[in-house]
Amino acid sequence: MLAEERFPGTAIECRVRYHQPDTTVRFALDEPLRQQVREAVARARHLRALPERPPVTAQERKCGRCSLAPVCLPEEERVPAAGEARPRLFPEDDVRQVLHVTVPGTRVGRDAEQLVVAPPEGAEEVRVPVRTVSALIVHGGVQVSSQAMALCVHHAIGVHWFTAGGRYLGGLGGGGGNVQRRLRQFEALRRPEVGLGLARRLVAAKLEGQLRFLLRASRGEPEDRSGVATAVRDLRALLPKCPVAESVDSLRGLEGAGAARYFGALPALLGEEVDSRLRFDGRNRRPPKDRFNAVLGFLYGRVHREVEAAIIAVGLDPAFGFYHQPRSSAGPLALDVMEQFRVPLVDMPLVASINRRVWDAEEDFEVTAEHVWLSKAGRAKAIELYERRKRETWKHNVLGYSLSYARLVELEVRLLEKEWTGSPGLFATFRLR
């Protein structure tokens, strides 16, 4: 039809080439086909003008080879019945790696399609192909050239900055969606009933995660083990109150009560042979006062970065949430979503590593009268612990397929977006076993 417009009067032959069977089909351009084209163009223009996302197609076979399946999550929307096989459309893991730069004075530059990490004092530089990197994370006094940042942005790679003590400063998004996604987010989350419903499920998920971790870690132990049984009882009593909480403030009270019970029982999960300097005696931060809290805060910062990067990549606004209040530079939505991941991504691997005697109380920490920070060796151990945990796979209890924790973070953000795009009910449903 375009050729007819450009070359009027020229005879037109239509062909469709099927490469796999090596077949070419020829046909006439008749009026019914012309009308199909006009209708398809009109439909595309109509959809482009709509602020709402089109529904998932009922024709499942069309989703199998669609490049947008990991975005619209059609099979997650059609939650399979027990034992029913479904095609796997959401990737299990991201094969790319996160590049951490921790040595002060290091410079990150660019050479063609490579990131060049040049340590200070003449140490040998490291060259990393940009296609193998999912995020660039710099700690403390590290310089990143504008050319390196431009390369990362071009390849949708996030660049994130942390202080030497582990506090997350912010990041440069490596992706982003169109404005319609954010408009839908603003319109949904400004409705109190939507925010309260999401907050109820979020707090319930967090409390149940804490409860299940305490049950798992104390399995086979005496029932009266240093208050664990009391914490378990109290957390179980708090859970039924979440779905009927009348306000976000009430939920914050339930969350705070649960945190007091959970952190009160956490010391009992550490073995008796653990160095007393590594033991936990209550939550403290900004700055941390002991070694356990130094690692805990450092790792929570990694989770915050992970969640905020996923929010930006999906195309939502991390500054517009439904539970936390905007009190600092940290985006409330990132603080909201990360509540689900504190236990599985940080608490569980940290307690296990301390019980395995991974940490050296002298070499891995810098201790002053005012605070305790991780040393260079300690930061390396913490990063390795976190990145290894992210790569571990886990089977989703509702969706029924396995994926890494790193992919689970992005999946949760996409399921959150579905709460206001016509398919609610899947956000904050995953649970530890």
Protein backbone atom coordinates (compact mmCIF):
# COMPACT_ATOMS: atom_id res chain seq x y z
CA MET A 1 0.00 0.00 0.00
CA LEU A 2 2.94 2.36 0.70
CA ALA A 3 4.45 1.42 -2.68
CA GLU A 4 1.14 2.26 -4.39
CA GLU A 5 1.13 5.69 -2.79
CA ARG A 6 4.71 6.35 -3.86
CA PHE A 7 4.46 4.87 -7.36
CA PRO A 8 0.85 5.29 -8.54
CA GLY A 9 -0.15 3.10 -11.45
CA THR A 10 2.56 0.52 -10.83
CA ALA A 11 1.46 -3.11 -10.63
CA ILE A 12 1.90 -4.44 -7.08
CA GLU A 13 2.51 -8.08 -6.09
CA CYS A 14 2.34 -9.09 -2.43
CA ARG A 15 4.67 -11.75 -1.04
CA VAL A 16 5.10 -13.37 2.36
CA ARG A 17 8.35 -15.21 2.93
CA TYR A 18 8.46 -18.10 5.45
CA HIS A 19 12.13 -18.79 6.12
CA GLN A 20 11.85 -22.04 8.07
CA PRO A 21 9.99 -24.05 5.39
CA ASP A 22 11.74 -22.05 2.63
CA THR A 23 8.43 -21.01 1.09
CA THR A 24 7.19 -17.82 -0.55
CA VAL A 25 3.44 -17.14 -0.81
CA ARG A 26 2.14 -14.68 -3.41
CA PHE A 27 -1.30 -13.11 -3.28
CA ALA A 28 -3.31 -10.20 -4.62
CA LEU A 29 -3.83 -7.00 -2.66
CA ASP A 30 -7.62 -6.96 -2.57
CA GLU A 31 -10.02 -4.72 -0.69
CA PRO A 32 -10.53 -7.02 2.37
CA LEU A 33 -6.76 -7.02 2.97
CA ARG A 34 -6.60 -3.25 2.57
CA GLN A 35 -9.37 -2.90 5.15
CA GLN A 36 -7.48 -5.17 7.60
CA VAL A 37 -4.43 -2.90 7.31
CA ARG A 38 -6.52 0.24 7.91
CA GLU A 39 -8.14 -1.32 10.96
CA ALA A 40 -4.80 -2.47 12.37
CA VAL A 41 -3.30 1.01 11.99
CA ALA A 42 -6.35 2.60 13.61
CA ARG A 43 -6.19 0.11 16.49
CA ALA A 44 -2.47 0.82 17.05
CA ARG A 45 -3.09 4.58 17.13
CA HIS A 46 -5.97 4.08 19.56
CA LEU A 47 -3.85 1.95 21.91
CA ARG A 48 -0.97 4.42 21.80
CA ALA A 49 -3.29 7.21 22.91
CA LEU A 50 -4.74 5.25 25.85
CA PRO A 51 -3.26 5.75 29.33
CA GLU A 52 -4.25 2.19 30.30
CA ARG A 53 -2.23 -0.88 29.38
CA PRO A 54 -4.05 -3.33 27.05
CA PRO A 55 -5.14 -6.58 28.72
CA VAL A 56 -3.18 -9.78 28.32
CA THR A 57 -4.41 -11.70 25.30
CA ALA A 58 -6.59 -14.75 25.84
CA GLN A 59 -4.69 -16.58 23.09
CA GLU A 60 -1.89 -18.12 25.17
CA ARG A 61 0.07 -19.45 22.19
CA LYS A 62 0.88 -15.88 21.12
CA CYS A 63 2.82 -15.22 24.34
CA GLY A 64 5.43 -17.98 23.99
CA ARG A 65 7.76 -16.10 21.63
CA CYS A 66 6.80 -12.53 22.49
CA SER A 67 9.75 -10.38 23.55
CA LEU A 68 7.51 -8.44 25.96
CA ALA A 69 6.39 -11.51 27.93
CA PRO A 70 8.86 -10.78 30.81
CA VAL A 71 7.28 -7.31 31.06
CA CYS A 72 3.54 -8.01 30.88
CA LEU A 73 3.86 -11.41 32.69
CA PRO A 74 0.98 -13.22 30.96
CA GLU A 75 1.55 -16.59 32.62
CA GLU A 76 1.82 -14.99 36.05
CA GLU A 77 -1.57 -13.42 35.40
CA ARG A 78 -2.94 -16.83 34.51
CA VAL A 79 -1.77 -18.39 37.77
CA PRO A 80 -1.68 -22.11 36.92
CA ALA A 81 -3.74 -24.68 38.72
CA ALA A 82 -1.87 -27.28 40.77
CA GLY A 83 0.11 -29.56 38.52
CA GLU A 84 -0.71 -27.66 35.32
CA ALA A 85 2.36 -27.10 33.16
CA ARG A 86 2.94 -23.62 31.76
CA PRO A 87 5.66 -22.25 29.46
CA ARG A 88 8.44 -20.47 31.33
CA LEU A 89 8.50 -16.86 30.08
CA PHE A 90 10.14 -14.90 32.92
CA PRO A 91 13.94 -15.49 32.96
CA GLU A 92 15.27 -17.53 35.89
CA ASP A 93 18.37 -15.39 36.34
CA ASP A 94 20.38 -12.54 34.86
CA VAL A 95 23.66 -13.98 33.59
CA ARG A 96 25.36 -10.59 33.87
CA GLN A 97 27.32 -9.66 36.99
CA VAL A 98 27.30 -6.66 39.32
CA LEU A 99 30.63 -4.80 39.23
CA HIS A 100 31.64 -3.51 42.70
CA VAL A 101 34.55 -1.04 42.98
CA THR A 102 35.65 -0.64 46.60
CA VAL A 103 39.29 0.58 46.62
CA PRO A 104 39.58 4.34 47.33
CA GLY A 105 41.29 6.27 44.57
CA THR A 106 40.21 3.87 41.84
CA ARG A 107 39.07 5.37 38.55
CA VAL A 108 36.48 3.77 36.25
CA GLY A 109 36.83 4.79 32.61
CA ARG A 110 35.84 3.61 29.17
CA ASP A 111 37.64 2.04 26.26
CA ALA A 112 35.30 1.28 23.35
CA GLU A 113 32.70 -1.19 24.74
CA GLN A 114 34.65 -1.95 27.91
CA LEU A 115 34.67 -0.52 31.42
CA VAL A 116 38.26 0.03 32.56
CA VAL A 117 38.87 -0.15 36.32
CA ALA A 118 42.23 1.46 37.15
CA PRO A 119 43.28 1.01 40.82
CA PRO A 120 45.63 3.54 42.44
CA GLU A 121 49.37 3.18 42.95
CA GLY A 122 50.06 1.58 39.58
CA ALA A 123 48.14 -1.65 40.21
CA GLU A 124 47.08 -3.58 37.13
CA GLU A 125 43.87 -2.30 35.56
CA VAL A 126 40.88 -4.54 34.94
CA ARG A 127 38.85 -4.45 31.72
CA VAL A 128 35.26 -5.66 31.80
CA PRO A 129 33.08 -5.97 28.65
CA VAL A 130 30.00 -3.83 29.25
CA ARG A 131 27.67 -6.55 27.95
CA THR A 132 28.61 -8.71 30.96
CA VAL A 133 27.68 -6.03 33.56
CA SER A 134 24.20 -5.54 35.03
CA ALA A 135 25.14 -2.71 37.44
CA LEU A 136 28.17 -0.65 38.46
CA ILE A 137 28.43 0.02 42.21
CA VAL A 138 31.10 2.34 43.61
CA HIS A 139 32.01 2.51 47.30
CA GLY A 140 33.59 5.59 48.86
CA GLY A 141 36.27 7.59 47.04
CA VAL A 142 35.96 6.10 43.55
CA GLN A 143 35.79 8.24 40.42
CA VAL A 144 33.64 7.34 37.40
CA SER A 145 34.31 9.23 34.17
CA SER A 146 31.46 10.79 32.20
CA GLN A 147 32.36 8.54 29.27
CA ALA A 148 31.93 5.45 31.47
CA MET A 149 28.60 6.73 32.79
CA ALA A 150 27.39 7.45 29.24
CA LEU A 151 28.33 3.91 28.21
CA CYS A 152 26.37 2.49 31.15
CA VAL A 153 23.30 4.60 30.40
CA HIS A 154 23.43 3.59 26.74
CA HIS A 155 23.38 -0.09 27.73
CA ALA A 156 20.70 0.38 30.45
CA ILE A 157 23.21 -0.31 33.24
CA GLY A 158 22.61 1.43 36.58
CA VAL A 159 25.45 3.29 38.32
CA HIS A 160 25.09 3.52 42.11
CA TRP A 161 27.09 5.31 44.81
CA PHE A 162 27.64 4.23 48.43
CA THR A 163 29.64 5.87 51.19
CA ALA A 164 32.67 4.00 52.51
CA GLY A 165 30.54 3.07 55.54
CA GLY A 166 27.90 1.45 53.34
CA ARG A 167 25.15 4.11 53.24
CA TYR A 168 23.36 4.32 49.90
CA LEU A 169 23.65 7.80 48.35
CA GLY A 170 21.75 7.33 45.10
CA GLY A 171 22.05 6.09 41.58
CA LEU A 172 21.87 6.85 37.90
CA GLY A 173 19.13 4.76 36.37
CA GLY A 174 20.07 2.44 33.57
CA GLY A 175 16.54 2.15 32.26
CA GLY A 176 13.10 3.64 32.53
CA GLY A 177 9.63 3.42 31.15
CA ASN A 178 7.31 5.86 29.48
CA VAL A 179 5.42 8.52 31.34
CA GLN A 180 2.17 6.55 31.16
CA ARG A 181 3.51 4.03 33.65
CA ARG A 182 4.23 6.73 36.19
CA LEU A 183 0.89 8.41 35.61
CA ARG A 184 -0.85 5.10 36.33
CA GLN A 185 1.28 4.70 39.46
CA PHE A 186 0.45 8.21 40.74
CA GLU A 187 -3.24 7.80 39.99
CA ALA A 188 -3.44 4.45 41.81
CA LEU A 189 -1.33 5.24 44.87
CA ARG A 190 -3.02 8.56 45.56
CA ARG A 191 -6.18 6.56 46.38
CA PRO A 192 -6.07 5.74 50.12
CA GLU A 193 -7.84 2.40 49.75
CA VAL A 194 -5.21 1.16 47.27
CA GLY A 195 -2.29 2.21 49.46
CA LEU A 196 -3.82 0.71 52.59
CA GLY A 197 -4.54 -2.60 50.86
CA LEU A 198 -0.96 -2.88 49.62
CA ALA A 199 0.44 -1.87 53.02
CA ARG A 200 -1.62 -4.55 54.77
CA ARG A 201 -0.20 -7.25 52.53
CA LEU A 202 3.33 -5.87 52.78
CA VAL A 203 3.40 -5.82 56.60
CA ALA A 204 1.83 -9.28 56.75
CA ALA A 205 4.50 -10.58 54.37
CA LYS A 206 7.29 -9.04 56.46
CA LEU A 207 5.97 -10.39 59.78
CA GLU A 208 5.42 -13.85 58.32
CA GLY A 209 8.93 -13.85 56.88
CA GLN A 210 10.37 -13.05 60.31
CA LEU A 211 8.19 -15.72 61.90
CA ARG A 212 9.22 -18.41 59.43
CA PHE A 213 12.89 -17.60 59.80
CA LEU A 214 12.67 -17.96 63.57
CA LEU A 215 10.87 -21.28 63.16
CA ARG A 216 13.44 -22.57 60.66
CA ALA A 217 16.47 -21.43 62.62
CA SER A 218 15.22 -22.90 65.89
CA ARG A 219 13.93 -26.16 64.44
CA GLY A 220 14.77 -29.09 66.69
CA GLU A 221 15.83 -26.84 69.55
CA PRO A 222 14.27 -26.77 73.02
CA GLU A 223 10.90 -24.99 73.03
CA ASP A 224 12.02 -22.38 75.57
CA ARG A 225 15.18 -21.39 73.69
CA SER A 226 16.01 -17.89 74.98
CA GLY A 227 12.68 -16.33 74.16
CA VAL A 228 12.32 -17.65 70.60
CA ALA A 229 9.10 -19.42 71.51
CA THR A 230 7.70 -16.21 73.00
CA ALA A 231 8.61 -14.23 69.87
CA VAL A 232 7.01 -16.89 67.67
CA ARG A 233 3.82 -16.78 69.73
CA ASP A 234 3.64 -12.98 69.60
CA LEU A 235 4.32 -12.79 65.85
CA ARG A 236 1.57 -15.33 65.24
CA ALA A 237 -0.79 -13.17 67.29
CA LEU A 238 0.11 -10.05 65.26
CA LEU A 239 -0.45 -11.58 61.82
CA PRO A 240 -4.30 -11.76 61.90
CA LYS A 241 -4.41 -8.06 62.78
CA CYS A 242 -2.76 -6.96 59.51
CA PRO A 243 -5.66 -7.63 57.09
CA VAL A 244 -8.09 -5.67 59.31
CA ALA A 245 -5.84 -2.72 60.25
CA GLU A 246 -7.78 0.50 59.72
CA SER A 247 -4.85 2.76 58.85
CA VAL A 248 -1.23 2.83 57.79
CA ASP A 249 -0.32 4.14 61.24
CA SER A 250 -1.88 1.04 62.82
CA LEU A 251 0.20 -1.11 60.49
CA ARG A 252 3.35 0.73 61.52
CA GLY A 253 2.50 -0.12 65.13
CA LEU A 254 2.12 -3.79 64.23
CA GLU A 255 5.37 -3.75 62.27
CA GLY A 256 7.22 -2.11 65.16
CA ALA A 257 5.85 -4.61 67.66
CA GLY A 258 6.89 -7.46 65.38
CA ALA A 259 10.38 -6.02 64.91
CA ALA A 260 10.84 -5.78 68.69
CA ARG A 261 9.95 -9.46 69.11
CA TYR A 262 12.00 -10.57 66.12
CA PHE A 263 15.21 -8.70 66.96
CA GLY A 264 14.78 -9.67 70.58
CA ALA A 265 14.90 -13.34 69.58
CA LEU A 266 17.64 -13.00 66.93
CA PRO A 267 20.58 -13.37 69.38
CA ALA A 268 19.33 -16.85 70.27
CA LEU A 269 19.90 -17.97 66.67
CA LEU A 270 23.66 -17.50 67.01
CA GLY A 271 25.63 -20.51 68.22
CA GLU A 272 27.26 -20.56 71.63
CA GLU A 273 30.73 -20.78 70.07
CA VAL A 274 30.34 -17.46 68.20
CA ASP A 275 32.84 -14.76 69.21
CA SER A 276 31.19 -12.47 71.76
CA ARG A 277 32.29 -9.45 69.71
CA LEU A 278 30.12 -10.65 66.81
CA ARG A 279 26.98 -11.25 68.82
CA PHE A 280 23.82 -9.20 68.37
CA ASP A 281 22.38 -7.14 71.21
CA GLY A 282 19.67 -5.03 69.63
CA ARG A 283 19.34 -2.96 66.48
CA ASN A 284 21.35 0.26 66.18
CA ARG A 285 22.49 2.31 63.18
CA ARG A 286 23.68 5.68 61.82
CA PRO A 287 26.33 4.89 62.84
CA PRO A 288 26.36 1.23 63.88
CA LYS A 289 27.76 0.60 67.35
CA ASP A 290 28.76 -3.05 67.01
CA ARG A 291 30.02 -5.51 64.43
CA PHE A 292 26.73 -7.32 63.78
CA ASN A 293 24.90 -4.07 63.06
CA ALA A 294 27.76 -2.86 60.87
CA VAL A 295 27.29 -5.84 58.55
CA LEU A 296 23.51 -5.74 58.83
CA GLY A 297 23.30 -2.08 57.81
CA PHE A 298 25.81 -2.55 54.99
CA LEU A 299 23.79 -5.42 53.52
CA TYR A 300 20.46 -3.62 53.92
CA GLY A 301 21.99 -0.87 51.81
CA ARG A 302 22.65 -3.41 49.03
CA VAL A 303 19.01 -4.52 49.15
CA HIS A 304 17.84 -0.91 48.92
CA ARG A 305 20.01 -0.40 45.87
CA GLU A 306 18.73 -3.63 44.30
CA VAL A 307 15.10 -2.66 44.76
CA GLU A 308 15.50 0.95 43.61
CA ALA A 309 17.34 -0.19 40.47
CA ALA A 310 14.50 -2.62 39.70
CA ILE A 311 11.89 0.12 40.20
CA ILE A 312 13.71 2.44 37.79
CA ALA A 313 14.23 -0.36 35.26
CA VAL A 314 10.52 -1.23 35.30
CA GLY A 315 9.68 2.45 34.75
CA LEU A 316 8.07 3.39 38.07
CA ASP A 317 8.94 6.32 40.32
CA PRO A 318 10.78 5.29 43.52
CA ALA A 319 9.74 8.58 45.18
CA PHE A 320 6.02 7.74 45.23
CA GLY A 321 5.20 4.89 47.62
CA PHE A 322 2.30 3.64 49.72
CA TYR A 323 3.73 2.84 53.18
CA HIS A 324 6.88 4.76 54.09
CA GLN A 325 6.88 8.53 54.40
CA PRO A 326 9.25 10.74 52.32
CA ARG A 327 11.60 11.78 55.13
CA SER A 328 15.01 11.51 53.45
CA SER A 329 16.64 11.10 50.06
CA ALA A 330 15.63 7.42 50.04
CA GLY A 331 12.65 6.80 47.77
CA PRO A 332 9.60 5.61 49.78
CA LEU A 333 8.60 3.01 47.17
CA ALA A 334 12.05 1.40 47.35
CA LEU A 335 11.78 1.32 51.16
CA ASP A 336 8.33 -0.24 50.80
CA VAL A 337 9.27 -3.07 48.46
CA MET A 338 12.55 -3.92 50.20
CA GLU A 339 10.72 -4.86 53.43
CA GLN A 340 9.98 -8.25 51.88
CA PHE A 341 13.65 -8.93 51.17
CA ARG A 342 15.39 -8.04 54.43
CA VAL A 343 15.00 -11.53 55.90
CA PRO A 344 15.76 -13.75 52.86
CA LEU A 345 18.55 -11.61 51.36
CA VAL A 346 20.29 -10.38 54.53
CA ASP A 347 19.21 -11.83 57.87
CA MET A 348 19.30 -15.49 56.89
CA PRO A 349 22.69 -15.52 55.11
CA LEU A 350 24.26 -13.24 57.74
CA VAL A 351 23.26 -15.41 60.70
CA ALA A 352 24.40 -18.51 58.82
CA SER A 353 27.78 -16.93 57.97
CA ILE A 354 28.40 -15.90 61.59
CA ASN A 355 27.57 -19.40 62.79
CA ARG A 356 30.01 -20.79 60.19
CA ARG A 357 32.70 -18.47 61.63
CA VAL A 358 33.21 -16.63 58.34
CA TRP A 359 33.92 -13.30 60.04
CA ASP A 360 37.11 -12.19 61.76
CA ALA A 361 36.30 -9.75 64.59
CA GLU A 362 39.69 -8.05 64.18
CA GLU A 363 40.49 -8.08 60.45
CA ASP A 364 37.00 -7.43 59.06
CA PHE A 365 36.09 -4.34 61.11
CA GLU A 366 37.32 -0.87 61.94
CA VAL A 367 36.34 0.01 65.51
CA THR A 368 36.35 3.47 67.10
CA ALA A 369 34.75 4.88 70.21
CA GLU A 370 31.84 6.28 68.16
CA HIS A 371 31.11 3.62 65.56
CA VAL A 372 32.06 0.33 63.92
CA TRP A 373 32.63 0.07 60.16
CA LEU A 374 33.56 -2.80 57.86
CA SER A 375 37.20 -2.83 56.81
CA LYS A 376 38.27 -3.41 53.21
CA ALA A 377 38.41 -7.16 53.87
CA GLY A 378 35.03 -7.02 55.62
CA ARG A 379 33.37 -5.18 52.74
CA ALA A 380 34.69 -7.78 50.31
CA LYS A 381 33.23 -10.58 52.45
CA ALA A 382 29.89 -8.81 52.77
CA ILE A 383 29.65 -8.18 49.02
CA GLU A 384 30.56 -11.79 48.24
CA LEU A 385 27.97 -13.03 50.75
CA TYR A 386 25.25 -10.85 49.26
CA GLU A 387 26.03 -11.52 45.59
CA ARG A 388 26.17 -15.26 46.22
CA ARG A 389 22.81 -15.14 47.97
CA LYS A 390 21.27 -13.22 45.06
CA ARG A 391 22.24 -16.02 42.67
CA GLU A 392 20.60 -18.74 44.73
CA THR A 393 17.39 -20.02 43.16
CA TRP A 394 14.12 -20.43 44.94
CA LYS A 395 10.69 -21.76 43.88
CA HIS A 396 7.90 -19.22 44.11
CA ASN A 397 5.17 -20.60 46.34
CA VAL A 398 2.33 -19.08 44.26
CA LEU A 399 3.63 -18.90 40.69
CA GLY A 400 5.18 -22.34 40.88
CA TYR A 401 8.52 -21.80 39.11
CA SER A 402 12.10 -21.29 40.28
CA LEU A 403 14.09 -18.10 39.90
CA SER A 404 17.02 -16.38 41.56
CA TYR A 405 16.52 -13.87 44.35
CA ALA A 406 17.93 -11.20 42.03
CA ARG A 407 15.18 -11.89 39.50
CA LEU A 408 12.59 -12.14 42.29
CA VAL A 409 13.20 -8.47 43.15
CA GLU A 410 12.35 -7.36 39.61
CA LEU A 411 9.40 -9.75 39.46
CA GLU A 412 7.93 -8.26 42.65
CA VAL A 413 8.15 -4.75 41.19
CA ARG A 414 6.40 -5.89 38.02
CA LEU A 415 3.72 -7.66 40.06
CA LEU A 416 3.27 -4.45 42.06
CA GLU A 417 2.61 -2.56 38.83
CA LYS A 418 -0.05 -5.14 37.96
CA GLU A 419 -1.96 -4.10 41.08
CA TRP A 420 -3.20 -1.05 39.16
CA THR A 421 -3.13 -2.41 35.61
CA GLY A 422 -6.00 -4.85 35.96
CA SER A 423 -4.45 -7.95 37.57
CA PRO A 424 -4.15 -7.41 41.33
CA GLY A 425 -3.48 -10.01 44.00
CA LEU A 426 0.05 -11.33 43.31
CA PHE A 427 2.21 -8.66 44.95
CA ALA A 428 3.72 -9.63 48.33
CA THR A 429 2.48 -13.22 48.10
CA PHE A 430 5.82 -15.06 48.14
CA ARG A 431 6.72 -16.72 51.43
CA LEU A 432 9.71 -18.52 52.90
CA ARG A 433 9.29 -22.22 53.52
